[in-house]
Amino acid sequence: MNALISLDGEVLVARLDDGRELKHIDAEALANLLWQIGIRVADVKAVDWHDDVESAPMSGQKIAIYSHLRMLEEASDDDQYQSARNQTIGKLLAMPVWISRQELSQSLHEQEGRESQIDLWLSERKIFAVDQVGSQLFAAFQFDDSRRPLGIVSEILAILNKEDEWAVASWFLFPNGWITCKQNGAEVPLAPAKALDDEDAVRNAARNERQGTHFA
């Protein structure tokens, strides 16, 4: 399988031999997508500016894609993969979005059955939790002001269908090229967790992730 990289406006596009297209505005994120479907450095080419100046990626974008794919290839053994994974988890844990199971339980209005209620939400996949040294942490954005699960979160969990809860957390908390907002007149990617009010956009981003068209 080969991939041809081009530029469509501000969006990088990887056209595959089988007709699929992977899109992302971030070069390293696009490299991640290519890696996930088995594309390696040797399989990637980019439109040359001599042939099509408007569709040719910038030099920095090409370098970022090739460099990131090489890094992923070099980090494919278990020890290096775990190191990279731990770095990502560290970034996630540094984000001020987490509450402990005890904090969640104490914030529920029910006087009895709080722990069983949390377990039920987890088993029904209405919410997700990550494990940190044997303790469960919950992302606060999953809940409304009354600490009830947001319906859109359950929908997204079903669409993503990921078993790795840290991968789920990454998807929600890192910027996503399919969800954007305007800053200083430019479109910039937004983390899904910050766009849960725009349910259609978040659903679309989750479907694109599931189909291999998005992932820090």
Protein backbone atom coordinates (compact mmCIF):
# COMPACT_ATOMS: atom_id res chain seq x y z
CA MET A 1 0.00 0.00 0.00
CA ASN A 2 1.38 3.39 -1.02
CA ALA A 3 0.35 6.92 -0.03
CA LEU A 4 0.62 10.15 -2.01
CA ILE A 5 0.68 13.28 0.16
CA SER A 6 -0.85 16.49 -1.14
CA LEU A 7 -2.15 19.74 0.29
CA ASP A 8 -5.79 20.81 0.01
CA GLY A 9 -5.93 24.34 1.37
CA GLU A 10 -4.53 23.93 4.89
CA VAL A 11 -5.37 20.21 5.11
CA LEU A 12 -2.84 17.48 4.35
CA VAL A 13 -4.32 14.62 2.33
CA ALA A 14 -2.86 11.11 1.96
CA ARG A 15 -4.37 9.30 -1.02
CA LEU A 16 -3.99 5.53 -0.79
CA ASP A 17 -3.80 2.99 -3.59
CA ASP A 18 -7.20 1.59 -2.64
CA GLY A 19 -8.92 4.96 -3.10
CA ARG A 20 -9.16 5.95 0.55
CA GLU A 21 -8.08 9.37 1.75
CA LEU A 22 -6.66 10.23 5.16
CA LYS A 23 -6.84 13.88 6.15
CA HIS A 24 -5.34 16.00 8.90
CA ILE A 25 -4.05 19.52 9.26
CA ASP A 26 -1.12 18.33 11.40
CA ALA A 27 1.75 16.48 9.70
CA GLU A 28 2.69 14.29 12.67
CA ALA A 29 -0.94 13.36 13.26
CA LEU A 30 -1.26 12.32 9.62
CA ALA A 31 1.90 10.23 10.03
CA ASN A 32 0.23 8.52 12.99
CA LEU A 33 -2.76 7.65 10.82
CA LEU A 34 -0.53 6.23 8.11
CA TRP A 35 1.38 4.20 10.66
CA GLN A 36 -1.81 2.76 12.11
CA ILE A 37 -2.81 1.26 8.75
CA GLY A 38 0.64 -0.15 8.00
CA ILE A 39 2.15 2.62 5.85
CA ARG A 40 5.90 3.05 6.33
CA VAL A 41 8.41 5.68 5.15
CA ALA A 42 9.24 3.74 1.98
CA ASP A 43 5.55 3.72 1.02
CA VAL A 44 5.10 7.51 1.13
CA LYS A 45 5.58 10.02 -1.66
CA ALA A 46 4.57 13.67 -1.86
CA VAL A 47 3.35 15.82 -4.72
CA ASP A 48 6.33 17.78 -6.07
CA TRP A 49 5.96 21.55 -6.31
CA HIS A 50 7.45 21.42 -9.82
CA ASP A 51 4.41 19.38 -10.89
CA ASP A 52 1.68 21.14 -8.90
CA VAL A 53 2.71 24.09 -6.79
CA GLU A 54 -0.74 24.51 -5.20
CA SER A 55 -1.09 20.88 -4.11
CA ALA A 56 2.49 20.28 -3.01
CA PRO A 57 3.03 20.05 0.76
CA MET A 58 5.52 22.44 2.28
CA SER A 59 9.03 21.13 2.90
CA GLY A 60 8.53 21.29 6.66
CA GLN A 61 5.37 19.21 6.42
CA LYS A 62 7.09 16.54 4.34
CA ILE A 63 10.04 16.41 6.72
CA ALA A 64 7.67 16.12 9.70
CA ILE A 65 5.78 13.21 8.11
CA TYR A 66 8.91 11.29 7.12
CA SER A 67 10.67 11.99 10.42
CA HIS A 68 7.68 10.94 12.50
CA LEU A 69 7.23 7.71 10.54
CA ARG A 70 10.93 6.92 10.99
CA MET A 71 10.60 7.63 14.71
CA LEU A 72 7.64 5.25 14.92
CA GLU A 73 9.57 2.57 13.07
CA GLU A 74 12.54 2.95 15.38
CA ALA A 75 10.25 2.91 18.42
CA SER A 76 8.38 -0.22 17.40
CA ASP A 77 9.99 -2.47 19.98
CA ASP A 78 8.16 -2.86 23.28
CA ASP A 79 10.48 -0.81 25.51
CA GLN A 80 10.49 2.24 23.27
CA TYR A 81 6.77 1.98 22.63
CA GLN A 82 6.10 1.87 26.36
CA SER A 83 8.32 4.89 26.88
CA ALA A 84 6.39 6.87 24.26
CA ARG A 85 3.11 5.69 25.76
CA ASN A 86 4.20 6.77 29.24
CA GLN A 87 5.09 10.23 27.90
CA THR A 88 1.62 10.57 26.41
CA ILE A 89 0.00 9.41 29.66
CA GLY A 90 2.12 11.94 31.53
CA LYS A 91 0.79 14.73 29.29
CA LEU A 92 -2.76 13.55 29.89
CA LEU A 93 -2.34 13.36 33.66
CA ALA A 94 -0.99 16.93 33.68
CA MET A 95 -4.28 18.20 32.28
CA PRO A 96 -6.63 19.60 34.96
CA VAL A 97 -9.59 17.42 33.99
CA TRP A 98 -9.37 14.46 36.36
CA ILE A 99 -11.34 13.60 39.47
CA SER A 100 -10.83 10.56 41.66
CA ARG A 101 -13.45 7.89 42.19
CA GLN A 102 -13.90 9.15 45.74
CA GLU A 103 -14.48 12.71 44.52
CA LEU A 104 -17.00 11.48 41.96
CA SER A 105 -18.81 9.37 44.53
CA GLN A 106 -19.02 12.21 47.04
CA SER A 107 -20.41 14.57 44.41
CA LEU A 108 -23.36 12.32 43.50
CA HIS A 109 -26.72 13.36 44.90
CA GLU A 110 -27.74 9.83 45.82
CA GLN A 111 -27.13 9.05 49.48
CA GLU A 112 -26.92 5.30 48.93
CA GLY A 113 -25.58 3.11 46.16
CA ARG A 114 -23.10 5.67 44.88
CA GLU A 115 -20.36 3.14 44.22
CA SER A 116 -22.72 0.73 42.49
CA GLN A 117 -24.04 3.61 40.38
CA ILE A 118 -20.52 4.39 39.16
CA ASP A 119 -19.91 0.71 38.42
CA LEU A 120 -23.17 0.57 36.46
CA TRP A 121 -22.24 3.60 34.36
CA LEU A 122 -18.89 1.99 33.59
CA SER A 123 -20.39 -1.39 32.71
CA GLU A 124 -23.00 0.23 30.47
CA ARG A 125 -20.22 2.25 28.82
CA LYS A 126 -21.85 5.56 29.67
CA ILE A 127 -18.50 6.82 30.98
CA PHE A 128 -14.87 5.72 30.94
CA ALA A 129 -12.13 5.70 33.56
CA VAL A 130 -8.36 5.38 33.36
CA ASP A 131 -6.24 3.44 35.83
CA GLN A 132 -3.41 5.25 37.55
CA VAL A 133 -1.39 3.11 39.97
CA GLY A 134 -4.43 1.05 40.89
CA SER A 135 -6.79 4.01 41.29
CA GLN A 136 -9.52 5.05 38.90
CA LEU A 137 -9.56 8.57 37.50
CA PHE A 138 -12.54 10.06 35.69
CA ALA A 139 -12.54 12.92 33.22
CA ALA A 140 -14.86 15.62 34.56
CA PHE A 141 -16.06 16.62 31.08
CA GLN A 142 -18.11 13.40 30.93
CA PHE A 143 -20.64 14.78 33.39
CA ASP A 144 -23.16 17.61 33.52
CA ASP A 145 -23.45 20.05 36.42
CA SER A 146 -25.44 17.46 38.38
CA ARG A 147 -22.73 14.84 37.85
CA ARG A 148 -24.88 12.81 35.46
CA PRO A 149 -23.19 11.28 32.38
CA LEU A 150 -23.54 13.28 29.18
CA GLY A 151 -25.36 11.30 26.53
CA ILE A 152 -22.93 12.32 23.79
CA VAL A 153 -20.04 10.69 25.67
CA SER A 154 -21.79 7.31 25.64
CA GLU A 155 -22.41 7.71 21.91
CA ILE A 156 -18.76 8.51 21.23
CA LEU A 157 -17.53 5.58 23.32
CA ALA A 158 -19.73 3.27 21.26
CA ILE A 159 -18.45 4.72 17.98
CA LEU A 160 -14.77 4.60 18.94
CA ASN A 161 -15.06 1.10 20.42
CA LYS A 162 -11.58 1.28 21.96
CA GLU A 163 -10.52 -1.05 24.76
CA ASP A 164 -7.52 1.07 25.76
CA GLU A 165 -8.93 3.74 28.05
CA TRP A 166 -5.81 5.88 27.69
CA ALA A 167 -6.39 5.87 23.93
CA VAL A 168 -9.94 7.04 24.61
CA ALA A 169 -8.63 9.80 26.87
CA SER A 170 -6.12 10.82 24.18
CA TRP A 171 -8.85 11.07 21.59
CA PHE A 172 -10.98 13.32 23.77
CA LEU A 173 -8.19 15.53 25.10
CA PHE A 174 -5.77 16.13 22.22
CA PRO A 175 -6.64 18.52 19.35
CA ASN A 176 -8.55 16.91 16.49
CA GLY A 177 -8.31 18.18 12.92
CA TRP A 178 -11.97 17.38 12.25
CA ILE A 179 -13.11 19.81 14.95
CA THR A 180 -11.93 23.39 14.57
CA CYS A 181 -12.50 26.85 15.95
CA LYS A 182 -11.37 30.28 14.84
CA GLN A 183 -8.49 31.94 16.64
CA ASN A 184 -7.06 35.21 15.35
CA GLY A 185 -8.86 34.62 12.06
CA ALA A 186 -7.41 31.14 11.50
CA GLU A 187 -9.01 27.72 11.85
CA VAL A 188 -7.25 25.71 14.56
CA PRO A 189 -7.94 22.15 15.74
CA LEU A 190 -9.94 21.71 18.93
CA ALA A 191 -9.97 18.83 21.41
CA PRO A 192 -13.30 16.93 21.29
CA ALA A 193 -13.67 17.37 25.06
CA LYS A 194 -13.93 21.13 24.46
CA ALA A 195 -16.56 20.74 21.75
CA LEU A 196 -19.10 18.39 23.31
CA ASP A 197 -21.83 21.00 22.79
CA ASP A 198 -21.32 20.57 19.03
CA GLU A 199 -22.52 16.98 19.04
CA ASP A 200 -22.63 16.56 15.27
CA ALA A 201 -19.02 17.65 14.87
CA VAL A 202 -17.85 15.34 17.64
CA ARG A 203 -19.78 12.39 16.21
CA ASN A 204 -18.29 13.06 12.78
CA ALA A 205 -14.77 13.19 14.23
CA ALA A 206 -15.32 9.91 16.06
CA ARG A 207 -16.58 8.22 12.90
CA ASN A 208 -13.56 9.48 10.99
CA GLU A 209 -11.29 8.11 13.72
CA ARG A 210 -13.03 4.74 13.51
CA GLN A 211 -12.66 4.72 9.72
CA GLY A 212 -8.98 5.60 9.92
CA THR A 213 -9.21 9.27 9.06
CA HIS A 214 -7.71 10.90 12.33
CA PHE A 215 -5.31 10.18 16.66
CA ALA A 216 -1.05 12.48 20.63
